[in-house]
Amino acid sequence: MNLSPFHLAIPVYDLPAARRFYGEVFGLEEGRSSTQWVDFNFFGHQLVIHEHPKTASQEQVHSNPVDGHDVPVPHFGVVLGWQQWEALAERLKSYGTQFVIEPYIRFQGQVGEQATMFLFDPCGNALEFKAFQNIDQLFAK
């Protein structure tokens, strides 16, 4: 699979806390920055955190049921390789991360079986990271 990097800019109401979270907890490389925004290498993609007043989705979480869990909406993240996902889960646990949905295997034994975990950044942006043993299952029905 040959993918182009995506660019995503998200609002953060506490730029220093979000900068520490993405830089230290995730260990992401920082790129360009100003007093109001910071670029990160987000697993080969460009994530930019922009200082912004708290949004409605950061104030009050909405969720939809998926596989017996309440999945926060909106959310974003990356599909990682299996070992990379496991390493990230361990890294996040070592930092005492509070998960919305603890790392687990979703749709176990079914089409689309995947490892997944959900968490919030310090500004209430929901993130999901997932992995497939067989990447061909990514869009399987």
N, C-alpha and C. Protein backbone atom coordinates (compact mmCIF):
# COMPACT_ATOMS: atom_id res chain seq x y z
N MET A 1 0.85 -1.18 0.00
CA MET A 1 0.00 0.00 0.00
C MET A 1 0.90 1.24 0.00
N ASN A 2 0.72 2.11 -0.98
CA ASN A 2 1.52 3.33 -1.08
C ASN A 2 0.62 4.51 -0.74
N LEU A 3 0.80 5.09 0.44
CA LEU A 3 -0.05 6.18 0.89
C LEU A 3 0.70 7.50 0.92
N SER A 4 -0.03 8.57 0.69
CA SER A 4 0.53 9.90 0.85
C SER A 4 0.29 10.35 2.28
N PRO A 5 1.21 11.11 2.84
CA PRO A 5 0.99 11.61 4.20
C PRO A 5 -0.20 12.56 4.23
N PHE A 6 -0.97 12.49 5.31
CA PHE A 6 -2.06 13.45 5.47
C PHE A 6 -1.58 14.61 6.32
N HIS A 7 -2.32 15.70 6.26
CA HIS A 7 -2.09 16.89 7.08
C HIS A 7 -3.36 17.10 7.89
N LEU A 8 -3.22 17.21 9.20
CA LEU A 8 -4.37 17.44 10.07
C LEU A 8 -4.02 18.53 11.06
N ALA A 9 -4.86 19.55 11.13
CA ALA A 9 -4.69 20.63 12.10
C ALA A 9 -5.83 20.53 13.10
N ILE A 10 -5.49 20.49 14.40
CA ILE A 10 -6.52 20.34 15.44
C ILE A 10 -6.43 21.50 16.43
N PRO A 11 -7.55 21.83 17.07
CA PRO A 11 -7.55 22.89 18.07
C PRO A 11 -7.10 22.37 19.43
N VAL A 12 -6.28 23.17 20.10
CA VAL A 12 -5.90 22.89 21.48
C VAL A 12 -6.03 24.18 22.28
N TYR A 13 -6.64 24.11 23.46
CA TYR A 13 -6.82 25.32 24.26
C TYR A 13 -5.68 25.51 25.27
N ASP A 14 -4.80 24.50 25.40
CA ASP A 14 -3.62 24.62 26.26
C ASP A 14 -2.42 24.14 25.44
N LEU A 15 -1.82 25.07 24.70
CA LEU A 15 -0.73 24.72 23.79
C LEU A 15 0.46 24.07 24.51
N PRO A 16 0.93 24.60 25.65
CA PRO A 16 2.07 23.95 26.32
C PRO A 16 1.76 22.50 26.75
N ALA A 17 0.57 22.24 27.28
CA ALA A 17 0.21 20.88 27.71
C ALA A 17 0.10 19.94 26.52
N ALA A 18 -0.49 20.41 25.43
CA ALA A 18 -0.61 19.58 24.23
C ALA A 18 0.76 19.33 23.61
N ARG A 19 1.61 20.33 23.63
CA ARG A 19 2.97 20.18 23.09
C ARG A 19 3.74 19.11 23.88
N ARG A 20 3.64 19.15 25.21
CA ARG A 20 4.29 18.13 26.04
C ARG A 20 3.71 16.75 25.75
N PHE A 21 2.40 16.65 25.64
CA PHE A 21 1.73 15.37 25.41
C PHE A 21 2.21 14.72 24.11
N TYR A 22 2.15 15.45 23.01
CA TYR A 22 2.53 14.87 21.72
C TYR A 22 4.05 14.68 21.63
N GLY A 23 4.81 15.58 22.22
CA GLY A 23 6.26 15.48 22.16
C GLY A 23 6.84 14.46 23.13
N GLU A 24 6.41 14.50 24.40
CA GLU A 24 6.99 13.62 25.41
C GLU A 24 6.28 12.28 25.52
N VAL A 25 4.98 12.30 25.70
CA VAL A 25 4.24 11.04 25.90
C VAL A 25 4.28 10.20 24.64
N PHE A 26 4.00 10.79 23.50
CA PHE A 26 4.05 10.06 22.24
C PHE A 26 5.47 9.97 21.67
N GLY A 27 6.32 10.89 22.06
CA GLY A 27 7.69 10.89 21.54
C GLY A 27 7.77 11.33 20.09
N LEU A 28 6.84 12.20 19.69
CA LEU A 28 6.83 12.67 18.30
C LEU A 28 7.87 13.76 18.08
N GLU A 29 8.49 13.74 16.91
CA GLU A 29 9.45 14.77 16.54
C GLU A 29 8.71 16.05 16.21
N GLU A 30 9.20 17.14 16.79
CA GLU A 30 8.60 18.45 16.55
C GLU A 30 9.21 19.06 15.30
N GLY A 31 8.35 19.72 14.50
CA GLY A 31 8.81 20.43 13.32
C GLY A 31 8.74 21.93 13.56
N ARG A 32 8.21 22.65 12.58
CA ARG A 32 8.09 24.10 12.71
C ARG A 32 7.10 24.45 13.83
N SER A 33 7.22 25.69 14.34
CA SER A 33 6.29 26.13 15.38
C SER A 33 6.29 27.65 15.45
N SER A 34 5.29 28.15 16.13
CA SER A 34 5.21 29.58 16.45
C SER A 34 4.67 29.66 17.87
N THR A 35 4.28 30.85 18.28
CA THR A 35 3.70 30.99 19.62
C THR A 35 2.27 30.46 19.67
N GLN A 36 1.67 30.17 18.49
CA GLN A 36 0.27 29.75 18.45
C GLN A 36 0.04 28.36 17.84
N TRP A 37 1.08 27.71 17.32
CA TRP A 37 0.91 26.39 16.73
C TRP A 37 2.23 25.61 16.73
N VAL A 38 2.12 24.28 16.65
CA VAL A 38 3.30 23.40 16.62
C VAL A 38 3.01 22.26 15.65
N ASP A 39 3.97 21.98 14.80
CA ASP A 39 3.98 20.86 13.84
C ASP A 39 4.57 19.62 14.50
N PHE A 40 4.01 18.44 14.24
CA PHE A 40 4.61 17.18 14.70
C PHE A 40 4.63 16.17 13.57
N ASN A 41 5.66 15.32 13.59
CA ASN A 41 5.72 14.17 12.69
C ASN A 41 4.90 13.08 13.37
N PHE A 42 3.68 12.90 12.91
CA PHE A 42 2.70 11.99 13.52
C PHE A 42 2.73 10.67 12.75
N PHE A 43 3.74 9.86 13.05
CA PHE A 43 3.90 8.56 12.38
C PHE A 43 3.97 8.72 10.86
N GLY A 44 4.74 9.74 10.43
CA GLY A 44 4.93 10.00 9.01
C GLY A 44 3.91 10.96 8.41
N HIS A 45 2.99 11.44 9.22
CA HIS A 45 1.97 12.40 8.77
C HIS A 45 2.20 13.73 9.49
N GLN A 46 1.58 14.78 8.99
CA GLN A 46 1.78 16.10 9.58
C GLN A 46 0.59 16.46 10.45
N LEU A 47 0.83 16.49 11.76
CA LEU A 47 -0.17 16.92 12.73
C LEU A 47 0.23 18.30 13.23
N VAL A 48 -0.70 19.23 13.19
CA VAL A 48 -0.43 20.58 13.68
C VAL A 48 -1.44 20.88 14.79
N ILE A 49 -0.92 21.25 15.95
CA ILE A 49 -1.80 21.68 17.04
C ILE A 49 -1.85 23.20 17.01
N HIS A 50 -3.06 23.73 16.97
CA HIS A 50 -3.28 25.18 16.90
C HIS A 50 -3.99 25.65 18.16
N GLU A 51 -3.44 26.69 18.77
CA GLU A 51 -4.10 27.28 19.92
C GLU A 51 -5.46 27.82 19.50
N HIS A 52 -6.49 27.45 20.27
CA HIS A 52 -7.87 27.80 19.91
C HIS A 52 -8.73 27.66 21.15
N PRO A 53 -9.73 28.51 21.32
CA PRO A 53 -10.63 28.32 22.47
C PRO A 53 -11.29 26.94 22.42
N LYS A 54 -11.69 26.46 23.58
CA LYS A 54 -12.31 25.15 23.71
C LYS A 54 -13.51 25.04 22.76
N THR A 55 -13.56 23.91 22.03
CA THR A 55 -14.65 23.67 21.08
C THR A 55 -15.77 22.88 21.76
N ALA A 56 -16.93 22.82 21.10
CA ALA A 56 -18.08 22.08 21.65
C ALA A 56 -17.74 20.61 21.86
N SER A 57 -17.01 19.98 20.92
CA SER A 57 -16.68 18.56 21.08
C SER A 57 -15.64 18.35 22.18
N GLN A 58 -14.89 19.37 22.54
CA GLN A 58 -13.95 19.26 23.66
C GLN A 58 -14.68 19.47 24.99
N GLU A 59 -15.77 20.22 24.96
CA GLU A 59 -16.57 20.48 26.15
C GLU A 59 -17.40 19.27 26.55
N GLN A 60 -18.05 18.66 25.57
CA GLN A 60 -18.98 17.56 25.84
C GLN A 60 -18.74 16.45 24.83
N VAL A 61 -18.40 15.29 25.33
CA VAL A 61 -18.07 14.15 24.47
C VAL A 61 -19.34 13.48 23.97
N HIS A 62 -19.36 13.22 22.67
CA HIS A 62 -20.41 12.41 22.06
C HIS A 62 -19.79 11.06 21.74
N SER A 63 -20.59 10.01 21.81
CA SER A 63 -20.04 8.69 21.46
C SER A 63 -21.09 7.87 20.72
N ASN A 64 -20.59 6.88 19.98
CA ASN A 64 -21.43 5.90 19.29
C ASN A 64 -21.00 4.52 19.75
N PRO A 65 -21.94 3.58 19.88
CA PRO A 65 -21.56 2.23 20.30
C PRO A 65 -20.90 1.45 19.16
N VAL A 66 -19.76 0.82 19.47
CA VAL A 66 -19.05 -0.05 18.54
C VAL A 66 -18.50 -1.22 19.34
N ASP A 67 -18.89 -2.42 18.99
CA ASP A 67 -18.36 -3.63 19.62
C ASP A 67 -18.43 -3.56 21.15
N GLY A 68 -19.55 -3.05 21.67
CA GLY A 68 -19.76 -3.00 23.11
C GLY A 68 -19.06 -1.88 23.84
N HIS A 69 -18.49 -0.92 23.12
CA HIS A 69 -17.79 0.22 23.73
C HIS A 69 -18.38 1.52 23.19
N ASP A 70 -18.28 2.57 24.01
CA ASP A 70 -18.70 3.90 23.58
C ASP A 70 -17.50 4.60 22.94
N VAL A 71 -17.54 4.71 21.61
CA VAL A 71 -16.44 5.30 20.85
C VAL A 71 -16.68 6.81 20.73
N PRO A 72 -15.71 7.63 21.20
CA PRO A 72 -15.88 9.08 21.10
C PRO A 72 -15.84 9.56 19.65
N VAL A 73 -16.72 10.53 19.36
CA VAL A 73 -16.84 11.12 18.02
C VAL A 73 -16.85 12.63 18.19
N PRO A 74 -15.98 13.35 17.48
CA PRO A 74 -15.03 12.89 16.48
C PRO A 74 -13.78 12.32 17.13
N HIS A 75 -12.99 11.60 16.32
CA HIS A 75 -11.67 11.12 16.74
C HIS A 75 -10.81 10.96 15.49
N PHE A 76 -9.50 10.85 15.72
CA PHE A 76 -8.56 10.61 14.62
C PHE A 76 -7.44 9.75 15.15
N GLY A 77 -6.63 9.24 14.26
CA GLY A 77 -5.49 8.44 14.65
C GLY A 77 -4.83 7.82 13.44
N VAL A 78 -4.07 6.76 13.69
CA VAL A 78 -3.30 6.12 12.63
C VAL A 78 -3.43 4.61 12.76
N VAL A 79 -3.44 3.94 11.61
CA VAL A 79 -3.34 2.49 11.59
C VAL A 79 -1.85 2.16 11.58
N LEU A 80 -1.41 1.48 12.61
CA LEU A 80 -0.01 1.15 12.78
C LEU A 80 0.24 -0.32 12.47
N GLY A 81 1.51 -0.70 12.32
CA GLY A 81 1.86 -2.10 12.28
C GLY A 81 1.62 -2.72 13.65
N TRP A 82 1.42 -4.03 13.69
CA TRP A 82 1.05 -4.70 14.95
C TRP A 82 2.06 -4.44 16.06
N GLN A 83 3.35 -4.64 15.78
CA GLN A 83 4.37 -4.44 16.80
C GLN A 83 4.48 -2.97 17.20
N GLN A 84 4.30 -2.08 16.24
CA GLN A 84 4.34 -0.65 16.54
C GLN A 84 3.16 -0.27 17.45
N TRP A 85 1.98 -0.86 17.20
CA TRP A 85 0.81 -0.61 18.03
C TRP A 85 1.06 -1.11 19.46
N GLU A 86 1.60 -2.32 19.57
CA GLU A 86 1.89 -2.88 20.90
C GLU A 86 2.89 -2.01 21.65
N ALA A 87 3.92 -1.53 20.96
CA ALA A 87 4.93 -0.67 21.59
C ALA A 87 4.31 0.65 22.04
N LEU A 88 3.43 1.22 21.21
CA LEU A 88 2.76 2.47 21.59
C LEU A 88 1.87 2.24 22.80
N ALA A 89 1.11 1.16 22.82
CA ALA A 89 0.25 0.86 23.97
C ALA A 89 1.09 0.78 25.25
N GLU A 90 2.22 0.11 25.19
CA GLU A 90 3.10 -0.01 26.36
C GLU A 90 3.67 1.34 26.75
N ARG A 91 4.08 2.14 25.77
CA ARG A 91 4.61 3.47 26.06
C ARG A 91 3.56 4.33 26.76
N LEU A 92 2.33 4.33 26.22
CA LEU A 92 1.27 5.13 26.82
C LEU A 92 0.96 4.66 28.23
N LYS A 93 0.93 3.36 28.45
CA LYS A 93 0.69 2.82 29.80
C LYS A 93 1.81 3.26 30.75
N SER A 94 3.05 3.26 30.27
CA SER A 94 4.19 3.63 31.13
C SER A 94 4.11 5.08 31.56
N TYR A 95 3.39 5.92 30.80
CA TYR A 95 3.19 7.32 31.16
C TYR A 95 1.92 7.52 31.97
N GLY A 96 1.25 6.43 32.34
CA GLY A 96 0.04 6.53 33.15
C GLY A 96 -1.15 7.07 32.40
N THR A 97 -1.18 6.88 31.09
CA THR A 97 -2.26 7.39 30.25
C THR A 97 -3.59 6.80 30.67
N GLN A 98 -4.59 7.65 30.77
CA GLN A 98 -5.96 7.19 31.01
C GLN A 98 -6.60 6.93 29.66
N PHE A 99 -7.00 5.71 29.42
CA PHE A 99 -7.63 5.35 28.16
C PHE A 99 -9.14 5.50 28.28
N VAL A 100 -9.78 5.93 27.20
CA VAL A 100 -11.23 5.91 27.10
C VAL A 100 -11.65 4.46 26.86
N ILE A 101 -10.92 3.80 25.97
CA ILE A 101 -11.08 2.37 25.72
C ILE A 101 -9.68 1.77 25.78
N GLU A 102 -9.46 0.92 26.79
CA GLU A 102 -8.16 0.27 26.98
C GLU A 102 -7.77 -0.51 25.72
N PRO A 103 -6.49 -0.68 25.48
CA PRO A 103 -6.05 -1.48 24.34
C PRO A 103 -6.66 -2.89 24.39
N TYR A 104 -7.27 -3.30 23.28
CA TYR A 104 -7.88 -4.63 23.20
C TYR A 104 -8.06 -5.03 21.74
N ILE A 105 -8.50 -6.26 21.52
CA ILE A 105 -8.77 -6.76 20.18
C ILE A 105 -10.27 -6.64 19.91
N ARG A 106 -10.61 -5.84 18.91
CA ARG A 106 -12.01 -5.59 18.53
C ARG A 106 -12.39 -6.55 17.41
N PHE A 107 -13.67 -6.95 17.39
CA PHE A 107 -14.22 -7.85 16.36
C PHE A 107 -13.44 -9.16 16.32
N GLN A 108 -13.07 -9.64 17.49
CA GLN A 108 -12.24 -10.84 17.57
C GLN A 108 -12.89 -12.02 16.86
N GLY A 109 -12.13 -12.65 15.96
CA GLY A 109 -12.60 -13.80 15.21
C GLY A 109 -13.55 -13.45 14.07
N GLN A 110 -13.73 -12.15 13.80
CA GLN A 110 -14.64 -11.70 12.75
C GLN A 110 -13.86 -10.97 11.65
N VAL A 111 -14.56 -10.70 10.56
CA VAL A 111 -13.98 -9.86 9.51
C VAL A 111 -13.63 -8.51 10.12
N GLY A 112 -12.46 -8.00 9.82
CA GLY A 112 -12.05 -6.69 10.34
C GLY A 112 -11.45 -6.74 11.74
N GLU A 113 -11.08 -7.93 12.23
CA GLU A 113 -10.46 -8.03 13.55
C GLU A 113 -9.28 -7.06 13.62
N GLN A 114 -9.17 -6.35 14.73
CA GLN A 114 -8.15 -5.31 14.86
C GLN A 114 -7.82 -5.04 16.32
N ALA A 115 -6.62 -4.60 16.56
CA ALA A 115 -6.23 -4.08 17.86
C ALA A 115 -6.61 -2.60 17.85
N THR A 116 -7.13 -2.11 18.97
CA THR A 116 -7.52 -0.70 19.03
C THR A 116 -7.37 -0.16 20.44
N MET A 117 -7.24 1.13 20.55
CA MET A 117 -7.23 1.85 21.83
C MET A 117 -7.66 3.29 21.57
N PHE A 118 -8.33 3.87 22.54
CA PHE A 118 -8.81 5.24 22.46
C PHE A 118 -8.35 6.02 23.68
N LEU A 119 -7.99 7.28 23.46
CA LEU A 119 -7.59 8.16 24.54
C LEU A 119 -7.86 9.60 24.13
N PHE A 120 -7.79 10.50 25.10
CA PHE A 120 -7.92 11.93 24.84
C PHE A 120 -6.59 12.62 25.06
N ASP A 121 -6.31 13.64 24.26
CA ASP A 121 -5.15 14.48 24.56
C ASP A 121 -5.57 15.44 25.69
N PRO A 122 -4.66 16.25 26.23
CA PRO A 122 -5.01 17.12 27.36
C PRO A 122 -6.09 18.15 27.06
N CYS A 123 -6.40 18.36 25.78
CA CYS A 123 -7.40 19.35 25.39
C CYS A 123 -8.71 18.70 24.93
N GLY A 124 -8.87 17.41 25.15
CA GLY A 124 -10.14 16.76 24.84
C GLY A 124 -10.29 16.28 23.42
N ASN A 125 -9.21 16.24 22.64
CA ASN A 125 -9.27 15.66 21.29
C ASN A 125 -9.12 14.15 21.42
N ALA A 126 -10.07 13.40 20.86
CA ALA A 126 -10.05 11.95 20.96
C ALA A 126 -9.17 11.35 19.87
N LEU A 127 -8.37 10.36 20.26
CA LEU A 127 -7.47 9.67 19.35
C LEU A 127 -7.75 8.17 19.39
N GLU A 128 -7.64 7.53 18.23
CA GLU A 128 -7.71 6.08 18.14
C GLU A 128 -6.49 5.58 17.39
N PHE A 129 -5.90 4.53 17.91
CA PHE A 129 -4.81 3.86 17.21
C PHE A 129 -5.21 2.41 17.05
N LYS A 130 -5.01 1.89 15.84
CA LYS A 130 -5.39 0.52 15.57
C LYS A 130 -4.33 -0.17 14.75
N ALA A 131 -4.43 -1.51 14.71
CA ALA A 131 -3.52 -2.34 13.93
C ALA A 131 -4.25 -3.59 13.51
N PHE A 132 -3.83 -4.14 12.39
CA PHE A 132 -4.41 -5.37 11.85
C PHE A 132 -3.29 -6.40 11.70
N GLN A 133 -3.57 -7.65 12.06
CA GLN A 133 -2.61 -8.72 11.76
C GLN A 133 -2.52 -8.88 10.25
N ASN A 134 -3.66 -8.64 9.57
CA ASN A 134 -3.73 -8.73 8.11
C ASN A 134 -4.28 -7.40 7.60
N ILE A 135 -3.43 -6.54 7.05
CA ILE A 135 -3.86 -5.22 6.60
C ILE A 135 -4.93 -5.28 5.52
N ASP A 136 -5.08 -6.42 4.85
CA ASP A 136 -6.14 -6.58 3.85
C ASP A 136 -7.52 -6.50 4.50
N GLN A 137 -7.59 -6.59 5.82
CA GLN A 137 -8.86 -6.50 6.56
C GLN A 137 -9.29 -5.05 6.81
N LEU A 138 -8.45 -4.10 6.46
CA LEU A 138 -8.73 -2.69 6.73
C LEU A 138 -10.11 -2.26 6.25
N PHE A 139 -10.49 -2.63 5.04
CA PHE A 139 -11.78 -2.24 4.48
C PHE A 139 -12.70 -3.44 4.24
N ALA A 140 -12.37 -4.58 4.82
CA ALA A 140 -13.16 -5.80 4.59
C ALA A 140 -14.57 -5.65 5.15
N LYS A 141 -15.53 -6.26 4.45
CA LYS A 141 -16.93 -6.23 4.90
C LYS A 141 -17.30 -7.57 5.51
